[in-house]
Amino acid sequence: MATSGNTYDVGDTVRVQGVFKNSSDVVVDPGTVTFKLKSPGGTVTTYVYGTDAQVVKTGTGIYYVDALPTLEGRYSYRWAGTVTNVAAGEGYFIVRESNFN
């Protein structure tokens, strides 16, 4: 799992991708895929693939969530795969203050 730190504006759609690989660096599907997003205000939203439409699978081991940030500040996220092909990765992105607020 790779991490990143990119900057966006309020109103941008932020695509957060997770790629799961095994110890041989081969892309694999975990048994369960969970995505968590923590807003600058501390609210944590959790989505699970197969339960929540926000988690989209584009290929073996490749998933994304389109986040729609409404607050300025740092958003943290975590991808986690469990059951089989266990893996996790965290990252963040920044939503900068608008000059028009």
PDB file of N, CA and C in Angstrom:
ATOM      1  N   MET A   1       0.855  -1.171   0.000  1.00  0.00           N
ATOM      2  CA  MET A   1       0.000   0.000   0.000  1.00  0.00           C
ATOM      3  C   MET A   1       0.901   1.234   0.000  1.00  0.00           C
ATOM      4  N   ALA A   2       0.589   2.145  -0.845  1.00  0.00           N
ATOM      5  CA  ALA A   2       1.367   3.382  -0.935  1.00  0.00           C
ATOM      6  C   ALA A   2       0.636   4.505  -0.218  1.00  0.00           C
ATOM      7  N   THR A   3       1.384   5.465   0.253  1.00  0.00           N
ATOM      8  CA  THR A   3       0.784   6.641   0.878  1.00  0.00           C
ATOM      9  C   THR A   3       1.042   7.855   0.001  1.00  0.00           C
ATOM     10  N   SER A   4       0.262   8.870   0.222  1.00  0.00           N
ATOM     11  CA  SER A   4       0.451  10.082  -0.565  1.00  0.00           C
ATOM     12  C   SER A   4       0.057  11.288   0.253  1.00  0.00           C
ATOM     13  N   GLY A   5       0.417  12.450  -0.235  1.00  0.00           N
ATOM     14  CA  GLY A   5       0.027  13.692   0.401  1.00  0.00           C
ATOM     15  C   GLY A   5      -0.134  14.762  -0.669  1.00  0.00           C
ATOM     16  N   ASN A   6      -1.338  14.937  -1.141  1.00  0.00           N
ATOM     17  CA  ASN A   6      -1.615  15.893  -2.200  1.00  0.00           C
ATOM     18  C   ASN A   6      -2.509  17.006  -1.683  1.00  0.00           C
ATOM     19  N   THR A   7      -2.541  18.143  -2.385  1.00  0.00           N
ATOM     20  CA  THR A   7      -3.327  19.295  -1.973  1.00  0.00           C
ATOM     21  C   THR A   7      -4.471  19.542  -2.956  1.00  0.00           C
ATOM     22  N   TYR A   8      -5.650  19.817  -2.395  1.00  0.00           N
ATOM     23  CA  TYR A   8      -6.866  20.030  -3.179  1.00  0.00           C
ATOM     24  C   TYR A   8      -7.606  21.247  -2.641  1.00  0.00           C
ATOM     25  N   ASP A   9      -8.680  21.618  -3.337  1.00  0.00           N
ATOM     26  CA  ASP A   9      -9.550  22.705  -2.900  1.00  0.00           C
ATOM     27  C   ASP A   9     -10.897  22.136  -2.461  1.00  0.00           C
ATOM     28  N   VAL A  10     -11.588  22.851  -1.558  1.00  0.00           N
ATOM     29  CA  VAL A  10     -12.958  22.482  -1.221  1.00  0.00           C
ATOM     30  C   VAL A  10     -13.754  22.485  -2.525  1.00  0.00           C
ATOM     31  N   GLY A  11     -14.527  21.443  -2.755  1.00  0.00           N
ATOM     32  CA  GLY A  11     -15.289  21.313  -3.988  1.00  0.00           C
ATOM     33  C   GLY A  11     -14.674  20.337  -4.966  1.00  0.00           C
ATOM     34  N   ASP A  12     -13.391  19.991  -4.781  1.00  0.00           N
ATOM     35  CA  ASP A  12     -12.755  18.979  -5.625  1.00  0.00           C
ATOM     36  C   ASP A  12     -13.242  17.595  -5.230  1.00  0.00           C
ATOM     37  N   THR A  13     -13.312  16.699  -6.208  1.00  0.00           N
ATOM     38  CA  THR A  13     -13.487  15.286  -5.918  1.00  0.00           C
ATOM     39  C   THR A  13     -12.096  14.688  -5.809  1.00  0.00           C
ATOM     40  N   VAL A  14     -11.818  14.034  -4.692  1.00  0.00           N
ATOM     41  CA  VAL A  14     -10.502  13.457  -4.445  1.00  0.00           C
ATOM     42  C   VAL A  14     -10.606  11.943  -4.565  1.00  0.00           C
ATOM     43  N   ARG A  15      -9.990  11.378  -5.575  1.00  0.00           N
ATOM     44  CA  ARG A  15     -10.002   9.925  -5.759  1.00  0.00           C
ATOM     45  C   ARG A  15      -8.860   9.326  -4.953  1.00  0.00           C
ATOM     46  N   VAL A  16      -9.222   8.472  -3.993  1.00  0.00           N
ATOM     47  CA  VAL A  16      -8.253   7.811  -3.132  1.00  0.00           C
ATOM     48  C   VAL A  16      -8.215   6.342  -3.533  1.00  0.00           C
ATOM     49  N   GLN A  17      -7.074   5.911  -4.035  1.00  0.00           N
ATOM     50  CA  GLN A  17      -6.944   4.541  -4.541  1.00  0.00           C
ATOM     51  C   GLN A  17      -6.140   3.681  -3.581  1.00  0.00           C
ATOM     52  N   GLY A  18      -6.551   2.437  -3.466  1.00  0.00           N
ATOM     53  CA  GLY A  18      -5.812   1.454  -2.698  1.00  0.00           C
ATOM     54  C   GLY A  18      -5.476   0.276  -3.587  1.00  0.00           C
ATOM     55  N   VAL A  19      -4.221  -0.161  -3.552  1.00  0.00           N
ATOM     56  CA  VAL A  19      -3.777  -1.326  -4.319  1.00  0.00           C
ATOM     57  C   VAL A  19      -3.193  -2.324  -3.333  1.00  0.00           C
ATOM     58  N   PHE A  20      -3.757  -3.515  -3.304  1.00  0.00           N
ATOM     59  CA  PHE A  20      -3.334  -4.554  -2.375  1.00  0.00           C
ATOM     60  C   PHE A  20      -2.394  -5.526  -3.068  1.00  0.00           C
ATOM     61  N   LYS A  21      -1.233  -5.777  -2.432  1.00  0.00           N
ATOM     62  CA  LYS A  21      -0.246  -6.710  -2.976  1.00  0.00           C
ATOM     63  C   LYS A  21       0.169  -7.692  -1.898  1.00  0.00           C
ATOM     64  N   ASN A  22       0.534  -8.900  -2.337  1.00  0.00           N
ATOM     65  CA  ASN A  22       1.021  -9.888  -1.376  1.00  0.00           C
ATOM     66  C   ASN A  22       2.527  -9.714  -1.184  1.00  0.00           C
ATOM     67  N   SER A  23       3.140 -10.603  -0.410  1.00  0.00           N
ATOM     68  CA  SER A  23       4.565 -10.480  -0.101  1.00  0.00           C
ATOM     69  C   SER A  23       5.454 -10.676  -1.330  1.00  0.00           C
ATOM     70  N   SER A  24       4.896 -11.236  -2.407  1.00  0.00           N
ATOM     71  CA  SER A  24       5.647 -11.394  -3.658  1.00  0.00           C
ATOM     72  C   SER A  24       5.421 -10.218  -4.602  1.00  0.00           C
ATOM     73  N   ASP A  25       4.778  -9.167  -4.114  1.00  0.00           N
ATOM     74  CA  ASP A  25       4.485  -7.956  -4.882  1.00  0.00           C
ATOM     75  C   ASP A  25       3.498  -8.199  -6.029  1.00  0.00           C
ATOM     76  N   VAL A  26       2.635  -9.187  -5.845  1.00  0.00           N
ATOM     77  CA  VAL A  26       1.595  -9.506  -6.822  1.00  0.00           C
ATOM     78  C   VAL A  26       0.285  -8.887  -6.337  1.00  0.00           C
ATOM     79  N   VAL A  27      -0.438  -8.224  -7.229  1.00  0.00           N
ATOM     80  CA  VAL A  27      -1.709  -7.599  -6.868  1.00  0.00           C
ATOM     81  C   VAL A  27      -2.730  -8.697  -6.579  1.00  0.00           C
ATOM     82  N   VAL A  28      -3.381  -8.611  -5.412  1.00  0.00           N
ATOM     83  CA  VAL A  28      -4.328  -9.633  -4.954  1.00  0.00           C
ATOM     84  C   VAL A  28      -5.544  -8.982  -4.308  1.00  0.00           C
ATOM     85  N   ASP A  29      -6.629  -9.732  -4.247  1.00  0.00           N
ATOM     86  CA  ASP A  29      -7.821  -9.279  -3.535  1.00  0.00           C
ATOM     87  C   ASP A  29      -7.799  -9.793  -2.103  1.00  0.00           C
ATOM     88  N   PRO A  30      -7.997  -8.908  -1.120  1.00  0.00           N
ATOM     89  CA  PRO A  30      -8.208  -9.360   0.255  1.00  0.00           C
ATOM     90  C   PRO A  30      -9.610  -9.968   0.390  1.00  0.00           C
ATOM     91  N   GLY A  31      -9.844 -10.677   1.472  1.00  0.00           N
ATOM     92  CA  GLY A  31     -11.175 -11.222   1.720  1.00  0.00           C
ATOM     93  C   GLY A  31     -12.189 -10.130   1.992  1.00  0.00           C
ATOM     94  N   THR A  32     -11.769  -9.105   2.724  1.00  0.00           N
ATOM     95  CA  THR A  32     -12.609  -7.950   3.032  1.00  0.00           C
ATOM     96  C   THR A  32     -11.785  -6.686   2.833  1.00  0.00           C
ATOM     97  N   VAL A  33     -12.370  -5.665   2.225  1.00  0.00           N
ATOM     98  CA  VAL A  33     -11.687  -4.386   2.013  1.00  0.00           C
ATOM     99  C   VAL A  33     -12.463  -3.297   2.742  1.00  0.00           C
ATOM    100  N   THR A  34     -11.759  -2.567   3.607  1.00  0.00           N
ATOM    101  CA  THR A  34     -12.360  -1.484   4.377  1.00  0.00           C
ATOM    102  C   THR A  34     -11.577  -0.197   4.123  1.00  0.00           C
ATOM    103  N   PHE A  35     -12.320   0.896   3.968  1.00  0.00           N
ATOM    104  CA  PHE A  35     -11.726   2.218   3.781  1.00  0.00           C
ATOM    105  C   PHE A  35     -12.243   3.130   4.880  1.00  0.00           C
ATOM    106  N   LYS A  36     -11.339   3.868   5.522  1.00  0.00           N
ATOM    107  CA  LYS A  36     -11.722   4.841   6.543  1.00  0.00           C
ATOM    108  C   LYS A  36     -11.169   6.201   6.157  1.00  0.00           C
ATOM    109  N   LEU A  37     -11.999   7.232   6.327  1.00  0.00           N
ATOM    110  CA  LEU A  37     -11.595   8.607   6.054  1.00  0.00           C
ATOM    111  C   LEU A  37     -11.862   9.445   7.296  1.00  0.00           C
ATOM    112  N   LYS A  38     -10.820  10.135   7.761  1.00  0.00           N
ATOM    113  CA  LYS A  38     -10.935  10.998   8.943  1.00  0.00           C
ATOM    114  C   LYS A  38     -10.837  12.447   8.495  1.00  0.00           C
ATOM    115  N   SER A  39     -11.862  13.221   8.797  1.00  0.00           N
ATOM    116  CA  SER A  39     -11.911  14.637   8.405  1.00  0.00           C
ATOM    117  C   SER A  39     -11.058  15.479   9.354  1.00  0.00           C
ATOM    118  N   PRO A  40     -10.767  16.724   8.974  1.00  0.00           N
ATOM    119  CA  PRO A  40     -10.024  17.612   9.873  1.00  0.00           C
ATOM    120  C   PRO A  40     -10.739  17.824  11.212  1.00  0.00           C
ATOM    121  N   GLY A  41     -12.060  17.677  11.228  1.00  0.00           N
ATOM    122  CA  GLY A  41     -12.829  17.817  12.461  1.00  0.00           C
ATOM    123  C   GLY A  41     -12.818  16.572  13.332  1.00  0.00           C
ATOM    124  N   GLY A  42     -12.201  15.486  12.848  1.00  0.00           N
ATOM    125  CA  GLY A  42     -12.084  14.259  13.633  1.00  0.00           C
ATOM    126  C   GLY A  42     -13.140  13.206  13.353  1.00  0.00           C
ATOM    127  N   THR A  43     -14.088  13.496  12.469  1.00  0.00           N
ATOM    128  CA  THR A  43     -15.121  12.520  12.126  1.00  0.00           C
ATOM    129  C   THR A  43     -14.528  11.428  11.241  1.00  0.00           C
ATOM    130  N   VAL A  44     -14.759  10.171  11.611  1.00  0.00           N
ATOM    131  CA  VAL A  44     -14.279   9.037  10.830  1.00  0.00           C
ATOM    132  C   VAL A  44     -15.464   8.382  10.131  1.00  0.00           C
ATOM    133  N   THR A  45     -15.347   8.250   8.810  1.00  0.00           N
ATOM    134  CA  THR A  45     -16.361   7.583   8.001  1.00  0.00           C
ATOM    135  C   THR A  45     -15.753   6.285   7.496  1.00  0.00           C
ATOM    136  N   THR A  46     -16.509   5.187   7.614  1.00  0.00           N
ATOM    137  CA  THR A  46     -16.016   3.869   7.214  1.00  0.00           C
ATOM    138  C   THR A  46     -16.883   3.299   6.106  1.00  0.00           C
ATOM    139  N   TYR A  47     -16.225   2.766   5.079  1.00  0.00           N
ATOM    140  CA  TYR A  47     -16.902   2.101   3.964  1.00  0.00           C
ATOM    141  C   TYR A  47     -16.300   0.714   3.773  1.00  0.00           C
ATOM    142  N   VAL A  48     -17.153  -0.255   3.443  1.00  0.00           N
ATOM    143  CA  VAL A  48     -16.713  -1.627   3.210  1.00  0.00           C
ATOM    144  C   VAL A  48     -17.109  -2.043   1.799  1.00  0.00           C
ATOM    145  N   TYR A  49     -16.148  -2.597   1.061  1.00  0.00           N
ATOM    146  CA  TYR A  49     -16.433  -3.051  -0.299  1.00  0.00           C
ATOM    147  C   TYR A  49     -17.483  -4.163  -0.265  1.00  0.00           C
ATOM    148  N   GLY A  50     -18.433  -4.066  -1.161  1.00  0.00           N
ATOM    149  CA  GLY A  50     -19.506  -5.052  -1.237  1.00  0.00           C
ATOM    150  C   GLY A  50     -20.721  -4.675  -0.415  1.00  0.00           C
ATOM    151  N   THR A  51     -20.539  -3.744   0.512  1.00  0.00           N
ATOM    152  CA  THR A  51     -21.635  -3.241   1.346  1.00  0.00           C
ATOM    153  C   THR A  51     -21.958  -1.802   0.986  1.00  0.00           C
ATOM    154  N   ASP A  52     -20.907  -1.008   0.804  1.00  0.00           N
ATOM    155  CA  ASP A  52     -21.062   0.423   0.527  1.00  0.00           C
ATOM    156  C   ASP A  52     -20.627   0.725  -0.905  1.00  0.00           C
ATOM    157  N   ALA A  53     -21.507   1.373  -1.658  1.00  0.00           N
ATOM    158  CA  ALA A  53     -21.245   1.675  -3.075  1.00  0.00           C
ATOM    159  C   ALA A  53     -20.068   2.629  -3.256  1.00  0.00           C
ATOM    160  N   GLN A  54     -19.641   3.316  -2.204  1.00  0.00           N
ATOM    161  CA  GLN A  54     -18.532   4.268  -2.328  1.00  0.00           C
ATOM    162  C   GLN A  54     -17.201   3.580  -2.650  1.00  0.00           C
ATOM    163  N   VAL A  55     -17.056   2.313  -2.258  1.00  0.00           N
ATOM    164  CA  VAL A  55     -15.827   1.581  -2.555  1.00  0.00           C
ATOM    165  C   VAL A  55     -16.022   0.863  -3.882  1.00  0.00           C
ATOM    166  N   VAL A  56     -15.209   1.244  -4.863  1.00  0.00           N
ATOM    167  CA  VAL A  56     -15.333   0.717  -6.220  1.00  0.00           C
ATOM    168  C   VAL A  56     -14.101  -0.118  -6.541  1.00  0.00           C
ATOM    169  N   LYS A  57     -14.327  -1.285  -7.104  1.00  0.00           N
ATOM    170  CA  LYS A  57     -13.231  -2.172  -7.528  1.00  0.00           C
ATOM    171  C   LYS A  57     -13.046  -2.016  -9.037  1.00  0.00           C
ATOM    172  N   THR A  58     -11.799  -1.731  -9.467  1.00  0.00           N
ATOM    173  CA  THR A  58     -11.530  -1.560 -10.895  1.00  0.00           C
ATOM    174  C   THR A  58     -10.755  -2.725 -11.490  1.00  0.00           C
ATOM    175  N   GLY A  59     -10.257  -3.595 -10.654  1.00  0.00           N
ATOM    176  CA  GLY A  59      -9.503  -4.763 -11.105  1.00  0.00           C
ATOM    177  C   GLY A  59      -9.039  -5.536  -9.887  1.00  0.00           C
ATOM    178  N   THR A  60      -8.363  -6.641 -10.104  1.00  0.00           N
ATOM    179  CA  THR A  60      -7.869  -7.441  -8.994  1.00  0.00           C
ATOM    180  C   THR A  60      -7.021  -6.580  -8.069  1.00  0.00           C
ATOM    181  N   GLY A  61      -7.440  -6.478  -6.817  1.00  0.00           N
ATOM    182  CA  GLY A  61      -6.684  -5.774  -5.793  1.00  0.00           C
ATOM    183  C   GLY A  61      -6.661  -4.264  -5.904  1.00  0.00           C
ATOM    184  N   ILE A  62      -7.417  -3.678  -6.828  1.00  0.00           N
ATOM    185  CA  ILE A  62      -7.398  -2.226  -7.039  1.00  0.00           C
ATOM    186  C   ILE A  62      -8.786  -1.651  -6.730  1.00  0.00           C
ATOM    187  N   TYR A  63      -8.822  -0.732  -5.778  1.00  0.00           N
ATOM    188  CA  TYR A  63     -10.070  -0.141  -5.304  1.00  0.00           C
ATOM    189  C   TYR A  63      -9.908   1.368  -5.207  1.00  0.00           C
ATOM    190  N   TYR A  64     -11.039   2.083  -5.236  1.00  0.00           N
ATOM    191  CA  TYR A  64     -10.970   3.516  -4.986  1.00  0.00           C
ATOM    192  C   TYR A  64     -12.248   3.999  -4.317  1.00  0.00           C
ATOM    193  N   VAL A  65     -12.114   5.160  -3.686  1.00  0.00           N
ATOM    194  CA  VAL A  65     -13.231   5.905  -3.120  1.00  0.00           C
ATOM    195  C   VAL A  65     -13.074   7.343  -3.603  1.00  0.00           C
ATOM    196  N   ASP A  66     -14.162   7.949  -4.063  1.00  0.00           N
ATOM    197  CA  ASP A  66     -14.161   9.364  -4.410  1.00  0.00           C
ATOM    198  C   ASP A  66     -14.642  10.149  -3.201  1.00  0.00           C
ATOM    199  N   ALA A  67     -13.716  10.868  -2.566  1.00  0.00           N
ATOM    200  CA  ALA A  67     -14.041  11.670  -1.391  1.00  0.00           C
ATOM    201  C   ALA A  67     -14.451  13.069  -1.841  1.00  0.00           C
ATOM    202  N   LEU A  68     -15.406  13.643  -1.126  1.00  0.00           N
ATOM    203  CA  LEU A  68     -15.899  14.990  -1.427  1.00  0.00           C
ATOM    204  C   LEU A  68     -15.697  15.874  -0.199  1.00  0.00           C
ATOM    205  N   PRO A  69     -14.474  16.370   0.004  1.00  0.00           N
ATOM    206  CA  PRO A  69     -14.189  17.131   1.227  1.00  0.00           C
ATOM    207  C   PRO A  69     -14.933  18.460   1.288  1.00  0.00           C
ATOM    208  N   THR A  70     -15.470  18.750   2.461  1.00  0.00           N
ATOM    209  CA  THR A  70     -16.217  19.987   2.659  1.00  0.00           C
ATOM    210  C   THR A  70     -15.541  20.918   3.661  1.00  0.00           C
ATOM    211  N   LEU A  71     -14.483  20.445   4.297  1.00  0.00           N
ATOM    212  CA  LEU A  71     -13.749  21.249   5.276  1.00  0.00           C
ATOM    213  C   LEU A  71     -12.316  21.450   4.815  1.00  0.00           C
ATOM    214  N   GLU A  72     -11.732  22.567   5.198  1.00  0.00           N
ATOM    215  CA  GLU A  72     -10.318  22.793   4.927  1.00  0.00           C
ATOM    216  C   GLU A  72      -9.495  22.063   5.977  1.00  0.00           C
ATOM    217  N   GLY A  73      -8.335  21.568   5.580  1.00  0.00           N
ATOM    218  CA  GLY A  73      -7.443  20.908   6.524  1.00  0.00           C
ATOM    219  C   GLY A  73      -6.956  19.565   6.015  1.00  0.00           C
ATOM    220  N   ARG A  74      -6.418  18.789   6.933  1.00  0.00           N
ATOM    221  CA  ARG A  74      -5.813  17.495   6.608  1.00  0.00           C
ATOM    222  C   ARG A  74      -6.831  16.370   6.776  1.00  0.00           C
ATOM    223  N   TYR A  75      -6.976  15.568   5.741  1.00  0.00           N
ATOM    224  CA  TYR A  75      -7.809  14.366   5.761  1.00  0.00           C
ATOM    225  C   TYR A  75      -6.880  13.167   5.775  1.00  0.00           C
ATOM    226  N   SER A  76      -7.099  12.247   6.693  1.00  0.00           N
ATOM    227  CA  SER A  76      -6.319  11.014   6.754  1.00  0.00           C
ATOM    228  C   SER A  76      -7.198   9.862   6.293  1.00  0.00           C
ATOM    229  N   TYR A  77      -6.579   8.871   5.657  1.00  0.00           N
ATOM    230  CA  TYR A  77      -7.344   7.699   5.230  1.00  0.00           C
ATOM    231  C   TYR A  77      -6.557   6.425   5.467  1.00  0.00           C
ATOM    232  N   ARG A  78      -7.300   5.330   5.520  1.00  0.00           N
ATOM    233  CA  ARG A  78      -6.694   4.014   5.747  1.00  0.00           C
ATOM    234  C   ARG A  78      -7.435   2.978   4.921  1.00  0.00           C
ATOM    235  N   TRP A  79      -6.692   2.208   4.158  1.00  0.00           N
ATOM    236  CA  TRP A  79      -7.200   1.022   3.479  1.00  0.00           C
ATOM    237  C   TRP A  79      -6.776  -0.182   4.296  1.00  0.00           C
ATOM    238  N   ALA A  80      -7.662  -1.138   4.472  1.00  0.00           N
ATOM    239  CA  ALA A  80      -7.309  -2.358   5.195  1.00  0.00           C
ATOM    240  C   ALA A  80      -7.947  -3.563   4.512  1.00  0.00           C
ATOM    241  N   GLY A  81      -7.147  -4.577   4.312  1.00  0.00           N
ATOM    242  CA  GLY A  81      -7.630  -5.852   3.782  1.00  0.00           C
ATOM    243  C   GLY A  81      -7.491  -6.900   4.860  1.00  0.00           C
ATOM    244  N   THR A  82      -8.524  -7.703   5.054  1.00  0.00           N
ATOM    245  CA  THR A  82      -8.491  -8.714   6.106  1.00  0.00           C
ATOM    246  C   THR A  82      -8.913 -10.065   5.545  1.00  0.00           C
ATOM    247  N   VAL A  83      -8.886 -11.064   6.378  1.00  0.00           N
ATOM    248  CA  VAL A  83      -9.264 -12.452   6.130  1.00  0.00           C
ATOM    249  C   VAL A  83      -8.164 -13.141   5.321  1.00  0.00           C
ATOM    250  N   THR A  84      -8.110 -12.935   4.007  1.00  0.00           N
ATOM    251  CA  THR A  84      -7.022 -13.451   3.179  1.00  0.00           C
ATOM    252  C   THR A  84      -6.290 -12.267   2.571  1.00  0.00           C
ATOM    253  N   ASN A  85      -5.009 -12.444   2.285  1.00  0.00           N
ATOM    254  CA  ASN A  85      -4.206 -11.362   1.711  1.00  0.00           C
ATOM    255  C   ASN A  85      -4.296 -10.099   2.564  1.00  0.00           C
ATOM    256  N   VAL A  86      -3.983 -10.246   3.824  1.00  0.00           N
ATOM    257  CA  VAL A  86      -4.070  -9.157   4.794  1.00  0.00           C
ATOM    258  C   VAL A  86      -3.027  -8.083   4.468  1.00  0.00           C
ATOM    259  N   ALA A  87      -3.478  -6.834   4.406  1.00  0.00           N
ATOM    260  CA  ALA A  87      -2.590  -5.691   4.156  1.00  0.00           C
ATOM    261  C   ALA A  87      -3.280  -4.419   4.609  1.00  0.00           C
ATOM    262  N   ALA A  88      -2.494  -3.376   4.830  1.00  0.00           N
ATOM    263  CA  ALA A  88      -3.059  -2.083   5.206  1.00  0.00           C
ATOM    264  C   ALA A  88      -2.122  -0.980   4.742  1.00  0.00           C
ATOM    265  N   GLY A  89      -2.686   0.186   4.554  1.00  0.00           N
ATOM    266  CA  GLY A  89      -1.887   1.353   4.188  1.00  0.00           C
ATOM    267  C   GLY A  89      -2.646   2.614   4.534  1.00  0.00           C
ATOM    268  N   GLU A  90      -1.892   3.641   4.879  1.00  0.00           N
ATOM    269  CA  GLU A  90      -2.495   4.909   5.251  1.00  0.00           C
ATOM    270  C   GLU A  90      -1.889   6.038   4.434  1.00  0.00           C
ATOM    271  N   GLY A  91      -2.633   7.102   4.324  1.00  0.00           N
ATOM    272  CA  GLY A  91      -2.156   8.279   3.631  1.00  0.00           C
ATOM    273  C   GLY A  91      -2.971   9.484   4.047  1.00  0.00           C
ATOM    274  N   TYR A  92      -2.761  10.579   3.361  1.00  0.00           N
ATOM    275  CA  TYR A  92      -3.498  11.793   3.677  1.00  0.00           C
ATOM    276  C   TYR A  92      -3.544  12.696   2.450  1.00  0.00           C
ATOM    277  N   PHE A  93      -4.443  13.654   2.513  1.00  0.00           N
ATOM    278  CA  PHE A  93      -4.445  14.741   1.547  1.00  0.00           C
ATOM    279  C   PHE A  93      -4.868  16.005   2.274  1.00  0.00           C
ATOM    280  N   ILE A  94      -4.493  17.129   1.704  1.00  0.00           N
ATOM    281  CA  ILE A  94      -4.758  18.438   2.306  1.00  0.00           C
ATOM    282  C   ILE A  94      -5.790  19.171   1.458  1.00  0.00           C
ATOM    283  N   VAL A  95      -6.760  19.789   2.125  1.00  0.00           N
ATOM    284  CA  VAL A  95      -7.701  20.678   1.463  1.00  0.00           C
ATOM    285  C   VAL A  95      -7.366  22.067   1.957  1.00  0.00           C
ATOM    286  N   ARG A  96      -6.924  22.906   1.040  1.00  0.00           N
ATOM    287  CA  ARG A  96      -6.429  24.232   1.433  1.00  0.00           C
ATOM    288  C   ARG A  96      -7.561  25.235   1.639  1.00  0.00           C
ATOM    289  N   GLU A  97      -7.228  26.264   2.385  1.00  0.00           N
ATOM    290  CA  GLU A  97      -8.174  27.341   2.659  1.00  0.00           C
ATOM    291  C   GLU A  97      -8.451  28.119   1.388  1.00  0.00           C
ATOM    292  N   SER A  98      -9.708  28.450   1.183  1.00  0.00           N
ATOM    293  CA  SER A  98     -10.114  29.214   0.004  1.00  0.00           C
ATOM    294  C   SER A  98      -9.895  30.706   0.236  1.00  0.00           C
ATOM    295  N   ASN A  99      -9.503  31.402  -0.794  1.00  0.00           N
ATOM    296  CA  ASN A  99      -9.387  32.862  -0.725  1.00  0.00           C
ATOM    297  C   ASN A  99     -10.746  33.535  -0.774  1.00  0.00           C
ATOM    298  N   PHE A 100     -11.817  32.757  -0.980  1.00  0.00           N
ATOM    299  CA  PHE A 100     -13.152  33.310  -1.144  1.00  0.00           C
ATOM    300  C   PHE A 100     -14.050  33.046   0.050  1.00  0.00           C
ATOM    301  N   ASN A 101     -13.504  32.589   1.158  1.00  0.00           N
ATOM    302  CA  ASN A 101     -14.305  32.375   2.380  1.00  0.00           C
ATOM    303  C   ASN A 101     -14.346  33.633   3.204  1.00  0.00           C
TER     304      ASN A 101
END
